[in-house]
Amino acid sequence: MTFSFIGLALSLALAACGASPAPSPTAITGPERAAPAAAPAQTATPATETAATTAVPEPAANTAAPPAARGLEASTWKVAAGSKARFTVGEKLARLPLPNDAVVETTALTGTLRREGPSVVELDLQRLRSDSGNRDRYMRGTMFRLTPKATFTIPKTPEASEGLAGGTSAAGSVEGVLAIGARETAMALTGEARYDAGKLYLLARGSFTWEQLGIRAPNVAGIVEVQDTVHFEVLVVAEPA
């Protein structure tokens, strides 16, 4: 489903600032990098902070923020390459003895994150892809034929701090409005955020039901039965505009 997760991405990154460290995205991750000794590794376990040590104070005149912190001062961010959305729903195909998960993905995310004013992320529903051509044609030609775009809007982005500087990951949550066609649905998302080498990496997770979106579940008698709840993970990679 086409979601505008840019607003979510920035909100997670900024709302998470100051939160306790959290694991880096695991289901969908950013590019691999060599982690500095004090930064959390890209693992599924929470990172721990090293104890503070006594050191020679910085000269009083050296008050400039470190480069990583200065990078977070951008007022506008754009969704960039590497962003990805994945949707998973349980289904039971009549021709198979056991149920399985249908997985639909897309990299067609665009949008803008703003410190002032609303942040919006848009997803192109016509570019959703799975492992089934029949499923893909149904999504494009029937399910989303008249509503090819989905947007997720965060009305106001929280103020940023330096909590994400230096590659530290942080957990957070955000609320916004998902719109598909004329249908708008309030939605809460949780996830992690990380700032690294001038980019924000934001992984959001959530779920919805077909009824919430005003969409009829794609059940076909004698062929497939689909569960009511759809789970999703969205990775937003954002760069200063």
C-alpha atoms as a PDB file:
ATOM      1  CA  MET A   1       0.000   0.000   0.000  1.00  0.00           C
ATOM      2  CA  THR A   2       1.396   3.345  -0.898  1.00  0.00           C
ATOM      3  CA  PHE A   3       2.493   5.084   2.256  1.00  0.00           C
ATOM      4  CA  SER A   4       4.057   8.499   2.689  1.00  0.00           C
ATOM      5  CA  PHE A   5       6.723   7.629   5.203  1.00  0.00           C
ATOM      6  CA  ILE A   6       8.986  10.631   4.822  1.00  0.00           C
ATOM      7  CA  GLY A   7       7.127  12.424   7.574  1.00  0.00           C
ATOM      8  CA  LEU A   8       7.377   9.264   9.639  1.00  0.00           C
ATOM      9  CA  ALA A   9      11.079   8.917   8.944  1.00  0.00           C
ATOM     10  CA  LEU A  10      11.994  12.382  10.083  1.00  0.00           C
ATOM     11  CA  SER A  11       9.624  12.226  13.026  1.00  0.00           C
ATOM     12  CA  LEU A  12      11.148   8.942  14.168  1.00  0.00           C
ATOM     13  CA  ALA A  13      14.629  10.336  13.771  1.00  0.00           C
ATOM     14  CA  LEU A  14      13.835  13.540  15.602  1.00  0.00           C
ATOM     15  CA  ALA A  15      11.367  12.181  18.143  1.00  0.00           C
ATOM     16  CA  ALA A  16      13.805   9.418  18.998  1.00  0.00           C
ATOM     17  CA  CYS A  17      16.598  11.861  19.797  1.00  0.00           C
ATOM     18  CA  GLY A  18      17.417  11.544  23.444  1.00  0.00           C
ATOM     19  CA  ALA A  19      15.748   8.120  23.757  1.00  0.00           C
ATOM     20  CA  SER A  20      17.702   5.144  25.025  1.00  0.00           C
ATOM     21  CA  PRO A  21      19.842   3.360  22.398  1.00  0.00           C
ATOM     22  CA  ALA A  22      18.023   0.710  20.389  1.00  0.00           C
ATOM     23  CA  PRO A  23      19.105  -1.983  17.933  1.00  0.00           C
ATOM     24  CA  SER A  24      19.779  -0.934  14.370  1.00  0.00           C
ATOM     25  CA  PRO A  25      17.192  -1.953  11.758  1.00  0.00           C
ATOM     26  CA  THR A  26      17.279  -5.710  11.235  1.00  0.00           C
ATOM     27  CA  ALA A  27      14.470  -6.589   8.850  1.00  0.00           C
ATOM     28  CA  ILE A  28      15.495  -3.902   6.365  1.00  0.00           C
ATOM     29  CA  THR A  29      18.901  -2.342   6.940  1.00  0.00           C
ATOM     30  CA  GLY A  30      21.030   0.486   5.640  1.00  0.00           C
ATOM     31  CA  PRO A  31      24.399  -0.040   3.946  1.00  0.00           C
ATOM     32  CA  GLU A  32      27.064  -1.920   5.836  1.00  0.00           C
ATOM     33  CA  ARG A  33      29.738   0.179   7.476  1.00  0.00           C
ATOM     34  CA  ALA A  34      32.645  -0.253   9.833  1.00  0.00           C
ATOM     35  CA  ALA A  35      31.268   0.675  13.260  1.00  0.00           C
ATOM     36  CA  PRO A  36      33.507   2.786  15.546  1.00  0.00           C
ATOM     37  CA  ALA A  37      34.341   1.257  18.903  1.00  0.00           C
ATOM     38  CA  ALA A  38      31.772   3.323  20.812  1.00  0.00           C
ATOM     39  CA  ALA A  39      28.972   2.937  18.248  1.00  0.00           C
ATOM     40  CA  PRO A  40      26.442   0.060  18.345  1.00  0.00           C
ATOM     41  CA  ALA A  41      27.044  -2.762  15.884  1.00  0.00           C
ATOM     42  CA  GLN A  42      24.318  -3.571  13.334  1.00  0.00           C
ATOM     43  CA  THR A  43      22.947  -6.473  15.353  1.00  0.00           C
ATOM     44  CA  ALA A  44      19.657  -7.620  16.780  1.00  0.00           C
ATOM     45  CA  THR A  45      20.719  -6.916  20.386  1.00  0.00           C
ATOM     46  CA  PRO A  46      20.546  -3.485  22.071  1.00  0.00           C
ATOM     47  CA  ALA A  47      23.762  -1.521  22.067  1.00  0.00           C
ATOM     48  CA  THR A  48      25.324  -0.425  25.351  1.00  0.00           C
ATOM     49  CA  GLU A  49      27.056   2.843  26.029  1.00  0.00           C
ATOM     50  CA  THR A  50      30.613   2.929  27.387  1.00  0.00           C
ATOM     51  CA  ALA A  51      31.133   4.507  30.774  1.00  0.00           C
ATOM     52  CA  ALA A  52      32.312   8.106  30.825  1.00  0.00           C
ATOM     53  CA  THR A  53      36.023   8.569  31.513  1.00  0.00           C
ATOM     54  CA  THR A  54      38.022  11.472  32.854  1.00  0.00           C
ATOM     55  CA  ALA A  55      39.695  13.465  30.103  1.00  0.00           C
ATOM     56  CA  VAL A  56      41.411  16.755  29.525  1.00  0.00           C
ATOM     57  CA  PRO A  57      38.692  19.408  29.027  1.00  0.00           C
ATOM     58  CA  GLU A  58      38.258  20.904  25.578  1.00  0.00           C
ATOM     59  CA  PRO A  59      39.531  24.473  25.213  1.00  0.00           C
ATOM     60  CA  ALA A  60      36.798  26.965  26.066  1.00  0.00           C
ATOM     61  CA  ALA A  61      36.986  28.512  22.596  1.00  0.00           C
ATOM     62  CA  ASN A  62      36.245  25.180  20.856  1.00  0.00           C
ATOM     63  CA  THR A  63      32.458  25.201  21.095  1.00  0.00           C
ATOM     64  CA  ALA A  64      31.542  24.061  17.581  1.00  0.00           C
ATOM     65  CA  ALA A  65      29.283  20.998  17.328  1.00  0.00           C
ATOM     66  CA  PRO A  66      30.885  17.849  15.900  1.00  0.00           C
ATOM     67  CA  PRO A  67      30.319  17.244  12.143  1.00  0.00           C
ATOM     68  CA  ALA A  68      27.723  14.511  12.819  1.00  0.00           C
ATOM     69  CA  ALA A  69      25.672  16.845  15.012  1.00  0.00           C
ATOM     70  CA  ARG A  70      25.901  19.714  12.513  1.00  0.00           C
ATOM     71  CA  GLY A  71      24.510  17.420   9.808  1.00  0.00           C
ATOM     72  CA  LEU A  72      21.261  17.031  11.736  1.00  0.00           C
ATOM     73  CA  GLU A  73      20.582  20.754  11.565  1.00  0.00           C
ATOM     74  CA  ALA A  74      19.104  20.596   8.045  1.00  0.00           C
ATOM     75  CA  SER A  75      15.554  21.954   7.977  1.00  0.00           C
ATOM     76  CA  THR A  76      14.378  19.851   5.014  1.00  0.00           C
ATOM     77  CA  TRP A  77      15.198  16.252   4.032  1.00  0.00           C
ATOM     78  CA  LYS A  78      14.336  14.293   0.893  1.00  0.00           C
ATOM     79  CA  VAL A  79      13.567  10.577   0.671  1.00  0.00           C
ATOM     80  CA  ALA A  80      16.509   9.048  -1.169  1.00  0.00           C
ATOM     81  CA  ALA A  81      17.602   5.889  -2.962  1.00  0.00           C
ATOM     82  CA  GLY A  82      17.724   2.836  -0.725  1.00  0.00           C
ATOM     83  CA  SER A  83      14.261   3.425   0.761  1.00  0.00           C
ATOM     84  CA  LYS A  84      12.034   0.353   0.759  1.00  0.00           C
ATOM     85  CA  ALA A  85       8.627  -0.826   1.969  1.00  0.00           C
ATOM     86  CA  ARG A  86       7.599  -4.431   2.691  1.00  0.00           C
ATOM     87  CA  PHE A  87       4.077  -5.702   3.453  1.00  0.00           C
ATOM     88  CA  THR A  88       3.321  -9.176   4.796  1.00  0.00           C
ATOM     89  CA  VAL A  89      -0.059 -10.896   5.175  1.00  0.00           C
ATOM     90  CA  GLY A  90      -0.968 -14.484   5.960  1.00  0.00           C
ATOM     91  CA  GLU A  91      -2.831 -16.392   3.271  1.00  0.00           C
ATOM     92  CA  LYS A  92      -4.090 -19.917   2.587  1.00  0.00           C
ATOM     93  CA  LEU A  93      -3.965 -21.141  -0.992  1.00  0.00           C
ATOM     94  CA  ALA A  94      -6.432 -23.920  -1.751  1.00  0.00           C
ATOM     95  CA  ARG A  95      -3.803 -25.844  -3.744  1.00  0.00           C
ATOM     96  CA  LEU A  96      -1.362 -25.945  -0.792  1.00  0.00           C
ATOM     97  CA  PRO A  97      -1.806 -27.979   2.407  1.00  0.00           C
ATOM     98  CA  LEU A  98      -0.484 -25.265   4.780  1.00  0.00           C
ATOM     99  CA  PRO A  99      -0.878 -21.475   5.065  1.00  0.00           C
ATOM    100  CA  ASN A 100       1.988 -19.169   4.080  1.00  0.00           C
ATOM    101  CA  ASP A 101       2.906 -15.458   4.042  1.00  0.00           C
ATOM    102  CA  ALA A 102       2.391 -13.280   0.990  1.00  0.00           C
ATOM    103  CA  VAL A 103       5.163 -10.637   0.812  1.00  0.00           C
ATOM    104  CA  VAL A 104       4.816  -7.483  -1.299  1.00  0.00           C
ATOM    105  CA  GLU A 105       7.635  -4.940  -1.691  1.00  0.00           C
ATOM    106  CA  THR A 106       8.471  -1.670  -3.415  1.00  0.00           C
ATOM    107  CA  THR A 107      11.283   0.882  -3.565  1.00  0.00           C
ATOM    108  CA  ALA A 108       8.992   3.565  -5.069  1.00  0.00           C
ATOM    109  CA  LEU A 109       8.987   5.966  -2.096  1.00  0.00           C
ATOM    110  CA  THR A 110       9.237   9.739  -2.370  1.00  0.00           C
ATOM    111  CA  GLY A 111       8.616  12.657  -0.060  1.00  0.00           C
ATOM    112  CA  THR A 112       9.916  15.432   2.141  1.00  0.00           C
ATOM    113  CA  LEU A 113      10.681  15.678   5.861  1.00  0.00           C
ATOM    114  CA  ARG A 114      10.477  19.151   7.412  1.00  0.00           C
ATOM    115  CA  ARG A 115      11.348  20.638  10.781  1.00  0.00           C
ATOM    116  CA  GLU A 116       8.642  23.270  10.282  1.00  0.00           C
ATOM    117  CA  GLY A 117       5.278  22.249   8.884  1.00  0.00           C
ATOM    118  CA  PRO A 118       4.018  18.796   7.863  1.00  0.00           C
ATOM    119  CA  SER A 119       6.233  15.946   6.671  1.00  0.00           C
ATOM    120  CA  VAL A 120       4.846  13.691   3.952  1.00  0.00           C
ATOM    121  CA  VAL A 121       5.962  10.384   2.418  1.00  0.00           C
ATOM    122  CA  GLU A 122       4.316   8.938  -0.680  1.00  0.00           C
ATOM    123  CA  LEU A 123       4.319   5.372  -1.974  1.00  0.00           C
ATOM    124  CA  ASP A 124       3.443   4.316  -5.530  1.00  0.00           C
ATOM    125  CA  LEU A 125       0.977   1.422  -5.185  1.00  0.00           C
ATOM    126  CA  GLN A 126       1.248   0.609  -8.871  1.00  0.00           C
ATOM    127  CA  ARG A 127       4.860  -0.471  -8.312  1.00  0.00           C
ATOM    128  CA  LEU A 128       4.194  -3.052  -5.600  1.00  0.00           C
ATOM    129  CA  ARG A 129       5.767  -6.406  -6.485  1.00  0.00           C
ATOM    130  CA  SER A 130       5.553  -9.948  -5.085  1.00  0.00           C
ATOM    131  CA  ASP A 131       6.522 -13.453  -6.217  1.00  0.00           C
ATOM    132  CA  SER A 132       3.210 -13.893  -8.054  1.00  0.00           C
ATOM    133  CA  GLY A 133       2.317 -12.252 -11.356  1.00  0.00           C
ATOM    134  CA  ASN A 134      -1.388 -12.904 -10.733  1.00  0.00           C
ATOM    135  CA  ARG A 135      -1.214 -11.142  -7.379  1.00  0.00           C
ATOM    136  CA  ASP A 136       0.647  -8.169  -8.874  1.00  0.00           C
ATOM    137  CA  ARG A 137      -1.853  -7.779 -11.707  1.00  0.00           C
ATOM    138  CA  TYR A 138      -4.734  -7.893  -9.218  1.00  0.00           C
ATOM    139  CA  MET A 139      -3.153  -5.142  -7.102  1.00  0.00           C
ATOM    140  CA  ARG A 140      -2.500  -2.889 -10.092  1.00  0.00           C
ATOM    141  CA  GLY A 141      -5.662  -3.571 -12.072  1.00  0.00           C
ATOM    142  CA  THR A 142      -8.269  -4.080  -9.360  1.00  0.00           C
ATOM    143  CA  MET A 143      -7.239  -3.224  -5.799  1.00  0.00           C
ATOM    144  CA  PHE A 144      -5.444   0.074  -6.511  1.00  0.00           C
ATOM    145  CA  ARG A 145      -6.564   0.901 -10.045  1.00  0.00           C
ATOM    146  CA  LEU A 146      -8.405   4.043  -8.930  1.00  0.00           C
ATOM    147  CA  THR A 147      -6.104   4.884  -5.997  1.00  0.00           C
ATOM    148  CA  PRO A 148      -2.536   4.493  -7.302  1.00  0.00           C
ATOM    149  CA  LYS A 149      -0.863   6.530  -4.525  1.00  0.00           C
ATOM    150  CA  ALA A 150      -0.740   6.375  -0.737  1.00  0.00           C
ATOM    151  CA  THR A 151       0.580   9.083   1.565  1.00  0.00           C
ATOM    152  CA  PHE A 152       1.518   9.209   5.230  1.00  0.00           C
ATOM    153  CA  THR A 153       1.489  12.689   6.762  1.00  0.00           C
ATOM    154  CA  ILE A 154       2.964  13.865  10.071  1.00  0.00           C
ATOM    155  CA  PRO A 155       1.281  17.204  10.882  1.00  0.00           C
ATOM    156  CA  LYS A 156       4.178  18.543  12.991  1.00  0.00           C
ATOM    157  CA  THR A 157       7.705  17.189  13.325  1.00  0.00           C
ATOM    158  CA  PRO A 158       9.220  17.287  16.849  1.00  0.00           C
ATOM    159  CA  GLU A 159      12.317  19.379  17.439  1.00  0.00           C
ATOM    160  CA  ALA A 160      15.663  17.684  16.875  1.00  0.00           C
ATOM    161  CA  SER A 161      18.558  17.295  19.271  1.00  0.00           C
ATOM    162  CA  GLU A 162      22.006  15.783  18.979  1.00  0.00           C
ATOM    163  CA  GLY A 163      20.868  12.372  20.236  1.00  0.00           C
ATOM    164  CA  LEU A 164      21.495  10.662  16.898  1.00  0.00           C
ATOM    165  CA  ALA A 165      24.916  12.166  16.206  1.00  0.00           C
ATOM    166  CA  GLY A 166      27.813   9.760  15.903  1.00  0.00           C
ATOM    167  CA  GLY A 167      25.858   6.845  14.466  1.00  0.00           C
ATOM    168  CA  THR A 168      23.882   6.084  17.644  1.00  0.00           C
ATOM    169  CA  SER A 169      20.538   4.341  17.074  1.00  0.00           C
ATOM    170  CA  ALA A 170      17.440   5.288  19.043  1.00  0.00           C
ATOM    171  CA  ALA A 171      13.913   3.947  19.355  1.00  0.00           C
ATOM    172  CA  GLY A 172      10.799   6.052  18.949  1.00  0.00           C
ATOM    173  CA  SER A 173       7.182   6.249  17.832  1.00  0.00           C
ATOM    174  CA  VAL A 174       5.101   8.624  15.779  1.00  0.00           C
ATOM    175  CA  GLU A 175       1.470   9.187  14.856  1.00  0.00           C
ATOM    176  CA  GLY A 176       0.172  10.418  11.533  1.00  0.00           C
ATOM    177  CA  VAL A 177      -2.530  10.030   8.910  1.00  0.00           C
ATOM    178  CA  LEU A 178      -2.476   7.480   6.104  1.00  0.00           C
ATOM    179  CA  ALA A 179      -4.459   8.454   3.006  1.00  0.00           C
ATOM    180  CA  ILE A 180      -5.389   6.201   0.086  1.00  0.00           C
ATOM    181  CA  GLY A 181      -7.766   7.984  -2.226  1.00  0.00           C
ATOM    182  CA  ALA A 182     -10.371   9.807  -0.140  1.00  0.00           C
ATOM    183  CA  ARG A 183      -9.949   7.425   2.788  1.00  0.00           C
ATOM    184  CA  GLU A 184      -7.869   8.740   5.727  1.00  0.00           C
ATOM    185  CA  THR A 185      -6.811   6.576   8.662  1.00  0.00           C
ATOM    186  CA  ALA A 186      -5.006   7.616  11.852  1.00  0.00           C
ATOM    187  CA  MET A 187      -2.023   5.328  12.379  1.00  0.00           C
ATOM    188  CA  ALA A 188       0.722   4.899  14.981  1.00  0.00           C
ATOM    189  CA  LEU A 189       4.138   3.519  14.031  1.00  0.00           C
ATOM    190  CA  THR A 190       7.171   2.398  16.022  1.00  0.00           C
ATOM    191  CA  GLY A 191      10.750   1.856  14.953  1.00  0.00           C
ATOM    192  CA  GLU A 192      14.389   2.895  15.079  1.00  0.00           C
ATOM    193  CA  ALA A 193      16.384   5.797  13.679  1.00  0.00           C
ATOM    194  CA  ARG A 194      20.102   6.263  12.961  1.00  0.00           C
ATOM    195  CA  TYR A 195      22.130   9.151  11.549  1.00  0.00           C
ATOM    196  CA  ASP A 196      25.264   8.191   9.634  1.00  0.00           C
ATOM    197  CA  ALA A 197      27.497   9.944   7.098  1.00  0.00           C
ATOM    198  CA  GLY A 198      24.986  12.691   6.375  1.00  0.00           C
ATOM    199  CA  LYS A 199      21.944  10.427   5.992  1.00  0.00           C
ATOM    200  CA  LEU A 200      19.012   9.454   8.189  1.00  0.00           C
ATOM    201  CA  TYR A 201      18.055   5.767   8.281  1.00  0.00           C
ATOM    202  CA  LEU A 202      14.560   5.225   9.691  1.00  0.00           C
ATOM    203  CA  LEU A 203      12.880   1.862  10.081  1.00  0.00           C
ATOM    204  CA  ALA A 204       9.142   1.985  10.890  1.00  0.00           C
ATOM    205  CA  ARG A 205       6.857  -0.919  11.745  1.00  0.00           C
ATOM    206  CA  GLY A 206       3.106  -1.169  12.053  1.00  0.00           C
ATOM    207  CA  SER A 207      -0.019  -2.990  10.950  1.00  0.00           C
ATOM    208  CA  PHE A 208      -3.497  -2.297   9.606  1.00  0.00           C
ATOM    209  CA  THR A 209      -6.628  -4.160   8.607  1.00  0.00           C
ATOM    210  CA  TRP A 210      -8.335  -4.122   5.223  1.00  0.00           C
ATOM    211  CA  GLU A 211     -11.384  -2.585   6.875  1.00  0.00           C
ATOM    212  CA  GLN A 212      -9.326   0.352   8.190  1.00  0.00           C
ATOM    213  CA  LEU A 213      -8.320   1.220   4.646  1.00  0.00           C
ATOM    214  CA  GLY A 214     -11.781   0.679   3.214  1.00  0.00           C
ATOM    215  CA  ILE A 215     -10.471  -2.118   0.978  1.00  0.00           C
ATOM    216  CA  ARG A 216     -12.118  -5.485   0.503  1.00  0.00           C
ATOM    217  CA  ALA A 217      -9.798  -8.345   1.455  1.00  0.00           C
ATOM    218  CA  PRO A 218      -8.559 -10.058  -1.748  1.00  0.00           C
ATOM    219  CA  ASN A 219     -10.226 -13.402  -1.015  1.00  0.00           C
ATOM    220  CA  VAL A 220     -11.196 -15.621  -3.939  1.00  0.00           C
ATOM    221  CA  ALA A 221     -13.508 -18.548  -3.121  1.00  0.00           C
ATOM    222  CA  GLY A 222     -11.844 -21.865  -3.792  1.00  0.00           C
ATOM    223  CA  ILE A 223      -8.462 -20.229  -4.550  1.00  0.00           C
ATOM    224  CA  VAL A 224      -7.122 -18.079  -1.699  1.00  0.00           C
ATOM    225  CA  GLU A 225      -8.176 -16.862   1.743  1.00  0.00           C
ATOM    226  CA  VAL A 226      -6.311 -13.835   3.131  1.00  0.00           C
ATOM    227  CA  GLN A 227      -6.014 -12.834   6.792  1.00  0.00           C
ATOM    228  CA  ASP A 228      -7.497  -9.560   8.034  1.00  0.00           C
ATOM    229  CA  THR A 229      -4.270  -7.959   9.356  1.00  0.00           C
ATOM    230  CA  VAL A 230      -1.376  -6.746   7.200  1.00  0.00           C
ATOM    231  CA  HIS A 231       2.025  -6.086   8.816  1.00  0.00           C
ATOM    232  CA  PHE A 232       4.567  -3.717   7.296  1.00  0.00           C
ATOM    233  CA  GLU A 233       8.140  -2.472   7.653  1.00  0.00           C
ATOM    234  CA  VAL A 234       9.348   0.656   5.900  1.00  0.00           C
ATOM    235  CA  LEU A 235      12.964   1.810   5.663  1.00  0.00           C
ATOM    236  CA  VAL A 236      13.355   5.473   4.754  1.00  0.00           C
ATOM    237  CA  VAL A 237      16.756   6.787   3.751  1.00  0.00           C
ATOM    238  CA  ALA A 238      16.717  10.595   3.834  1.00  0.00           C
ATOM    239  CA  GLU A 239      19.267  13.198   2.725  1.00  0.00           C
ATOM    240  CA  PRO A 240      19.328  16.967   3.356  1.00  0.00           C
ATOM    241  CA  ALA A 241      17.428  18.736   0.582  1.00  0.00           C
END
